[in-house]
C-alpha atoms as a PDB file:
ATOM      1  CA  MET A   1       0.041  -0.026   0.002  1.00  0.00           C
ATOM      2  CA  SER A   2       1.373   3.412  -0.960  1.00  0.00           C
ATOM      3  CA  GLN A   3       2.007   6.088   1.644  1.00  0.00           C
ATOM      4  CA  LEU A   4      -0.887   8.083   0.180  1.00  0.00           C
ATOM      5  CA  ALA A   5      -3.314   5.305   1.153  1.00  0.00           C
ATOM      6  CA  ASP A   6      -2.108   5.318   4.655  1.00  0.00           C
ATOM      7  CA  GLN A   7      -2.962   8.929   5.277  1.00  0.00           C
ATOM      8  CA  GLY A   8      -6.858   8.300   5.944  1.00  0.00           C
ATOM      9  CA  LEU A   9      -9.085  11.223   6.569  1.00  0.00           C
ATOM     10  CA  PRO A  10     -12.498  11.473   8.417  1.00  0.00           C
ATOM     11  CA  ALA A  11     -15.376  11.750   6.193  1.00  0.00           C
ATOM     12  CA  ARG A  12     -17.173  15.157   6.291  1.00  0.00           C
ATOM     13  CA  THR A  13     -20.849  15.450   5.765  1.00  0.00           C
ATOM     14  CA  GLY A  14     -21.918  16.149   2.146  1.00  0.00           C
ATOM     15  CA  LEU A  15     -18.735  14.934   0.560  1.00  0.00           C
ATOM     16  CA  VAL A  16     -20.339  11.598  -0.694  1.00  0.00           C
ATOM     17  CA  GLU A  17     -23.346  13.510  -2.257  1.00  0.00           C
ATOM     18  CA  ASP A  18     -21.015  16.178  -3.848  1.00  0.00           C
ATOM     19  CA  PHE A  19     -18.784  13.398  -5.202  1.00  0.00           C
ATOM     20  CA  GLU A  20     -21.865  11.532  -6.592  1.00  0.00           C
ATOM     21  CA  ALA A  21     -23.195  14.615  -8.217  1.00  0.00           C
ATOM     22  CA  ALA A  22     -19.948  15.609  -9.768  1.00  0.00           C
ATOM     23  CA  LEU A  23     -19.117  12.057 -11.144  1.00  0.00           C
ATOM     24  CA  SER A  24     -22.654  11.765 -12.543  1.00  0.00           C
ATOM     25  CA  ARG A  25     -22.269  14.968 -14.353  1.00  0.00           C
ATOM     26  CA  VAL A  26     -19.238  13.675 -16.326  1.00  0.00           C
ATOM     27  CA  GLY A  27     -20.883  10.365 -17.052  1.00  0.00           C
ATOM     28  CA  GLY A  28     -19.494   8.078 -14.396  1.00  0.00           C
ATOM     29  CA  ARG A  29     -21.728   6.550 -11.586  1.00  0.00           C
ATOM     30  CA  VAL A  30     -21.592   5.873  -7.938  1.00  0.00           C
ATOM     31  CA  ILE A  31     -22.654   2.682  -6.151  1.00  0.00           C
ATOM     32  CA  LEU A  32     -23.073   3.307  -2.355  1.00  0.00           C
ATOM     33  CA  THR A  33     -22.412   0.133  -0.275  1.00  0.00           C
ATOM     34  CA  ASP A  34     -21.124  -1.118   2.880  1.00  0.00           C
ATOM     35  CA  LEU A  35     -18.545  -3.773   3.492  1.00  0.00           C
ATOM     36  CA  ALA A  36     -20.980  -6.659   3.843  1.00  0.00           C
ATOM     37  CA  GLY A  37     -22.759  -5.595   0.430  1.00  0.00           C
ATOM     38  CA  LEU A  38     -19.514  -4.674  -1.644  1.00  0.00           C
ATOM     39  CA  GLY A  39     -19.237  -8.136  -3.299  1.00  0.00           C
ATOM     40  CA  THR A  40     -22.848  -8.257  -4.166  1.00  0.00           C
ATOM     41  CA  ALA A  41     -22.651  -4.710  -5.583  1.00  0.00           C
ATOM     42  CA  VAL A  42     -19.577  -5.625  -7.783  1.00  0.00           C
ATOM     43  CA  ALA A  43     -21.391  -8.738  -8.965  1.00  0.00           C
ATOM     44  CA  GLY A  44     -24.480  -6.700  -9.810  1.00  0.00           C
ATOM     45  CA  ALA A  45     -22.480  -4.236 -11.810  1.00  0.00           C
ATOM     46  CA  VAL A  46     -20.858  -7.093 -13.747  1.00  0.00           C
ATOM     47  CA  TRP A  47     -24.256  -8.473 -14.491  1.00  0.00           C
ATOM     48  CA  GLU A  48     -25.520  -5.138 -15.875  1.00  0.00           C
ATOM     49  CA  ILE A  49     -22.648  -5.105 -18.323  1.00  0.00           C
ATOM     50  CA  SER A  50     -23.176  -8.539 -19.463  1.00  0.00           C
ATOM     51  CA  SER A  51     -26.815  -8.198 -19.886  1.00  0.00           C
ATOM     52  CA  GLY A  52     -26.225  -4.847 -21.725  1.00  0.00           C
ATOM     53  CA  GLY A  53     -25.129  -6.489 -24.990  1.00  0.00           C
ATOM     54  CA  GLU A  54     -22.028  -8.144 -24.291  1.00  0.00           C
ATOM     55  CA  ALA A  55     -22.535 -11.507 -26.022  1.00  0.00           C
ATOM     56  CA  ARG A  56     -19.555 -13.476 -24.510  1.00  0.00           C
ATOM     57  CA  ALA A  57     -18.229 -14.212 -21.006  1.00  0.00           C
ATOM     58  CA  LEU A  58     -16.542 -11.279 -19.451  1.00  0.00           C
ATOM     59  CA  THR A  59     -12.991 -11.153 -18.347  1.00  0.00           C
ATOM     60  CA  ALA A  60     -11.553  -8.960 -15.541  1.00  0.00           C
ATOM     61  CA  ALA A  61      -8.103  -7.435 -14.507  1.00  0.00           C
ATOM     62  CA  CYS A  62      -8.009  -7.100 -10.759  1.00  0.00           C
ATOM     63  CA  TRP A  63      -5.285  -5.499  -8.597  1.00  0.00           C
ATOM     64  CA  LYS A  64      -4.029  -8.036  -6.158  1.00  0.00           C
ATOM     65  CA  THR A  65      -3.666  -5.576  -3.246  1.00  0.00           C
ATOM     66  CA  SER A  66      -4.204  -6.661   0.215  1.00  0.00           C
ATOM     67  CA  GLU A  67      -7.407  -4.669   0.498  1.00  0.00           C
ATOM     68  CA  ILE A  68      -8.808  -6.074  -2.693  1.00  0.00           C
ATOM     69  CA  LEU A  69      -7.879  -9.744  -1.752  1.00  0.00           C
ATOM     70  CA  ALA A  70      -9.067  -9.360   1.802  1.00  0.00           C
ATOM     71  CA  LEU A  71     -12.436  -8.400   0.623  1.00  0.00           C
ATOM     72  CA  GLY A  72     -12.668 -11.266  -1.721  1.00  0.00           C
ATOM     73  CA  LEU A  73     -13.301  -9.296  -4.755  1.00  0.00           C
ATOM     74  CA  PRO A  74     -11.635 -11.582  -7.301  1.00  0.00           C
ATOM     75  CA  ASP A  75     -14.057 -14.315  -6.009  1.00  0.00           C
ATOM     76  CA  ALA A  76     -17.009 -11.779  -6.293  1.00  0.00           C
ATOM     77  CA  LEU A  77     -16.034 -11.154  -9.926  1.00  0.00           C
ATOM     78  CA  ALA A  78     -15.752 -15.059 -10.562  1.00  0.00           C
ATOM     79  CA  ARG A  79     -19.242 -15.602  -8.991  1.00  0.00           C
ATOM     80  CA  ALA A  80     -20.601 -13.048 -11.353  1.00  0.00           C
ATOM     81  CA  GLY A  81     -19.390 -15.079 -14.195  1.00  0.00           C
ATOM     82  CA  CYS A  82     -16.131 -13.106 -14.864  1.00  0.00           C
ATOM     83  CA  ARG A  83     -12.913 -14.941 -15.767  1.00  0.00           C
ATOM     84  CA  VAL A  84     -10.417 -13.142 -13.450  1.00  0.00           C
ATOM     85  CA  SER A  85      -7.197 -12.999 -15.398  1.00  0.00           C
ATOM     86  CA  ASP A  86      -3.881 -14.366 -13.809  1.00  0.00           C
ATOM     87  CA  GLY A  87      -1.144 -11.591 -13.800  1.00  0.00           C
ATOM     88  CA  ASP A  88      -2.104  -8.348 -15.367  1.00  0.00           C
ATOM     89  CA  GLY A  89      -4.268  -9.242 -18.218  1.00  0.00           C
ATOM     90  CA  SER A  90      -5.438  -5.620 -18.732  1.00  0.00           C
ATOM     91  CA  ALA A  91      -5.087  -5.688 -22.456  1.00  0.00           C
ATOM     92  CA  THR A  92      -7.765  -8.125 -23.181  1.00  0.00           C
ATOM     93  CA  ALA A  93      -9.911  -7.577 -19.992  1.00  0.00           C
ATOM     94  CA  ASP A  94     -13.444  -6.275 -20.094  1.00  0.00           C
ATOM     95  CA  ILE A  95     -13.466  -4.860 -16.716  1.00  0.00           C
ATOM     96  CA  GLY A  96     -10.490  -3.461 -14.515  1.00  0.00           C
ATOM     97  CA  LEU A  97     -10.894  -3.480 -10.813  1.00  0.00           C
ATOM     98  CA  THR A  98      -8.677  -1.090  -8.684  1.00  0.00           C
ATOM     99  CA  TRP A  99      -8.531   0.841  -5.398  1.00  0.00           C
ATOM    100  CA  ALA A 100      -8.631   4.596  -4.961  1.00  0.00           C
ATOM    101  CA  ASP A 101      -6.024   6.321  -2.756  1.00  0.00           C
ATOM    102  CA  ARG A 102      -8.223   9.494  -2.641  1.00  0.00           C
ATOM    103  CA  ALA A 103     -11.199  11.119  -4.389  1.00  0.00           C
ATOM    104  CA  VAL A 104     -12.192  14.630  -4.826  1.00  0.00           C
ATOM    105  CA  ALA A 105     -15.788  15.494  -4.191  1.00  0.00           C
ATOM    106  CA  ALA A 106     -15.916  18.753  -6.040  1.00  0.00           C
ATOM    107  CA  THR A 107     -14.776  17.137  -9.358  1.00  0.00           C
ATOM    108  CA  GLY A 108     -15.885  13.471  -8.974  1.00  0.00           C
ATOM    109  CA  SER A 109     -12.310  12.457  -9.580  1.00  0.00           C
ATOM    110  CA  VAL A 110     -10.606   9.332  -8.103  1.00  0.00           C
ATOM    111  CA  MET A 111      -6.770   9.206  -7.480  1.00  0.00           C
ATOM    112  CA  VAL A 112      -5.063   6.058  -8.157  1.00  0.00           C
ATOM    113  CA  THR A 113      -1.303   5.279  -7.685  1.00  0.00           C
ATOM    114  CA  SER A 114       0.986   2.698  -9.227  1.00  0.00           C
ATOM    115  CA  GLY A 115       2.952   0.288  -7.262  1.00  0.00           C
ATOM    116  CA  PRO A 116       3.427  -3.375  -6.573  1.00  0.00           C
ATOM    117  CA  ASP A 117       0.279  -5.228  -7.498  1.00  0.00           C
ATOM    118  CA  ARG A 118      -1.071  -1.844  -8.847  1.00  0.00           C
ATOM    119  CA  GLN A 119      -0.596  -1.935 -12.652  1.00  0.00           C
ATOM    120  CA  ARG A 120      -1.163   1.236 -14.288  1.00  0.00           C
ATOM    121  CA  SER A 121      -2.762  -0.490 -17.330  1.00  0.00           C
ATOM    122  CA  THR A 122      -5.759  -1.748 -15.303  1.00  0.00           C
ATOM    123  CA  THR A 123      -7.256   1.695 -15.160  1.00  0.00           C
ATOM    124  CA  LEU A 124      -6.564   2.425 -18.551  1.00  0.00           C
ATOM    125  CA  LEU A 125      -7.105  -0.484 -20.971  1.00  0.00           C
ATOM    126  CA  PRO A 126     -10.279  -2.347 -20.066  1.00  0.00           C
ATOM    127  CA  PRO A 127     -13.496  -0.653 -21.338  1.00  0.00           C
ATOM    128  CA  HIS A 128     -15.098  -0.813 -17.855  1.00  0.00           C
ATOM    129  CA  ASN A 129     -13.326   0.759 -14.831  1.00  0.00           C
ATOM    130  CA  PHE A 130     -14.488  -0.326 -11.418  1.00  0.00           C
ATOM    131  CA  VAL A 131     -12.974   1.597  -8.621  1.00  0.00           C
ATOM    132  CA  ILE A 132     -13.355   0.801  -4.832  1.00  0.00           C
ATOM    133  CA  LEU A 133     -13.286   3.993  -2.638  1.00  0.00           C
ATOM    134  CA  GLU A 134     -13.439   4.147   1.035  1.00  0.00           C
ATOM    135  CA  VAL A 135     -15.551   7.198   2.142  1.00  0.00           C
ATOM    136  CA  SER A 136     -12.740   8.235   4.525  1.00  0.00           C
ATOM    137  CA  ARG A 137     -10.645   8.915   1.599  1.00  0.00           C
ATOM    138  CA  LEU A 138     -12.719  11.825   0.087  1.00  0.00           C
ATOM    139  CA  VAL A 139     -11.448  15.296   0.239  1.00  0.00           C
ATOM    140  CA  ALA A 140     -13.560  18.341  -0.728  1.00  0.00           C
ATOM    141  CA  THR A 141     -11.493  20.036  -3.311  1.00  0.00           C
ATOM    142  CA  THR A 142      -8.364  19.317  -5.784  1.00  0.00           C
ATOM    143  CA  GLY A 143      -6.352  21.948  -3.719  1.00  0.00           C
ATOM    144  CA  ASP A 144      -6.900  19.670  -0.487  1.00  0.00           C
ATOM    145  CA  LEU A 145      -5.811  16.612  -2.519  1.00  0.00           C
ATOM    146  CA  PHE A 146      -2.647  18.404  -3.835  1.00  0.00           C
ATOM    147  CA  ARG A 147      -1.754  19.759  -0.440  1.00  0.00           C
ATOM    148  CA  GLN A 148      -1.772  16.120   0.879  1.00  0.00           C
ATOM    149  CA  VAL A 149       0.163  14.739  -2.149  1.00  0.00           C
ATOM    150  CA  GLY A 150       2.730  17.744  -1.630  1.00  0.00           C
ATOM    151  CA  GLN A 151       3.251  16.727   1.855  1.00  0.00           C
ATOM    152  CA  ILE A 152       3.963  13.152   1.127  1.00  0.00           C
ATOM    153  CA  ALA A 153       6.162  14.243  -1.901  1.00  0.00           C
ATOM    154  CA  HIS A 154       8.316  16.113   0.569  1.00  0.00           C
ATOM    155  CA  THR A 155       9.001  12.942   2.527  1.00  0.00           C
ATOM    156  CA  GLY A 156      10.111  11.171  -0.557  1.00  0.00           C
ATOM    157  CA  GLY A 157       7.143   8.662  -0.469  1.00  0.00           C
ATOM    158  CA  LEU A 158       5.531   9.647  -3.668  1.00  0.00           C
ATOM    159  CA  PRO A 159       4.803   6.707  -6.066  1.00  0.00           C
ATOM    160  CA  ALA A 160       6.024   6.548  -9.613  1.00  0.00           C
ATOM    161  CA  ASN A 161       2.581   7.382 -11.045  1.00  0.00           C
ATOM    162  CA  VAL A 162      -0.284   9.223  -9.514  1.00  0.00           C
ATOM    163  CA  ALA A 163      -3.378   9.463 -11.875  1.00  0.00           C
ATOM    164  CA  LEU A 164      -6.599  11.420 -11.494  1.00  0.00           C
ATOM    165  CA  ILE A 165      -9.488   9.902 -13.224  1.00  0.00           C
ATOM    166  CA  THR A 166     -12.521  12.015 -13.803  1.00  0.00           C
ATOM    167  CA  GLY A 167     -15.373   9.999 -15.660  1.00  0.00           C
ATOM    168  CA  PRO A 168     -15.035   7.827 -18.666  1.00  0.00           C
ATOM    169  CA  SER A 169     -12.489   8.653 -21.226  1.00  0.00           C
ATOM    170  CA  ARG A 170     -13.762  11.607 -23.419  1.00  0.00           C
ATOM    171  CA  SER A 171     -12.340  13.012 -26.610  1.00  0.00           C
ATOM    172  CA  ALA A 172     -13.205  15.594 -29.131  1.00  0.00           C
ATOM    173  CA  ASP A 173     -10.101  15.711 -31.071  1.00  0.00           C
ATOM    174  CA  ILE A 174     -11.514  14.954 -34.413  1.00  0.00           C
ATOM    175  CA  GLU A 175     -13.836  17.650 -35.954  1.00  0.00           C
ATOM    176  CA  MET A 176     -15.001  18.515 -32.230  1.00  0.00           C
ATOM    177  CA  ASP A 177     -17.216  15.390 -32.305  1.00  0.00           C
ATOM    178  CA  LEU A 178     -17.508  13.854 -28.589  1.00  0.00           C
ATOM    179  CA  SER A 179     -16.322  10.271 -28.377  1.00  0.00           C
ATOM    180  CA  ILE A 180     -16.542   8.169 -25.381  1.00  0.00           C
ATOM    181  CA  GLY A 181     -14.064   5.414 -24.519  1.00  0.00           C
ATOM    182  CA  VAL A 182     -11.567   5.966 -27.331  1.00  0.00           C
ATOM    183  CA  HIS A 183      -8.442   6.702 -25.258  1.00  0.00           C
ATOM    184  CA  GLY A 184      -9.397   4.779 -22.174  1.00  0.00           C
ATOM    185  CA  PRO A 185     -12.366   3.145 -20.428  1.00  0.00           C
ATOM    186  CA  LYS A 186     -15.914   3.978 -21.778  1.00  0.00           C
ATOM    187  CA  SER A 187     -17.509   3.394 -18.214  1.00  0.00           C
ATOM    188  CA  LEU A 188     -16.323   4.443 -14.640  1.00  0.00           C
ATOM    189  CA  THR A 189     -18.143   2.911 -11.714  1.00  0.00           C
ATOM    190  CA  VAL A 190     -17.055   3.811  -8.207  1.00  0.00           C
ATOM    191  CA  PHE A 191     -18.111   1.734  -5.303  1.00  0.00           C
ATOM    192  CA  VAL A 192     -18.208   4.026  -2.089  1.00  0.00           C
ATOM    193  CA  ILE A 193     -17.732   1.987   1.065  1.00  0.00           C
ATOM    194  CA  ARG A 194     -19.504   3.698   3.872  1.00  0.00           C
ATOM    195  CA  ASP A 195     -17.764   1.873   6.536  1.00  0.00           C
ATOM    196  CA  ARG A 196     -14.530   0.042   7.096  1.00  0.00           C
END
């Protein structure tokens, strides 16, 4: 786990609602759950994708972090009918499942960092991005986030890669025609855990 993930913050009233509204505005979605219901929520989201026109069995690339393994999320994906790849597998996966270090309520952004068992490609290559977020990791503004990242950077604990993800991939490069999912995932679902 990165040093960024170890710097937990108390949740403040309204941050979850602000985060959900901001993420919704950019085409992402939030599923609120508790620890007991997380596996069922993830399985339900897989089922929605598979019943939404995917004609084949789905595959998933899943970070192998202690948090994800302890919560049995690879098993939840498998119970939902996903084949969970061994190793990275992101290049051919339908779903990438990762863990957020932080999130910004004002923008609906999630922050993920790279490291052992935290491959960068898992957030970029699969068309469906599932991110697990503990409510205590929400901050109000991007400024709040960068102050925390800056403090950690001064101690030399910054990971090689810190990425902010705000909604599905969007591009209007060609003739100003908006396209979704061209340069990254076409959907972003954030599972907000209310307790831990």
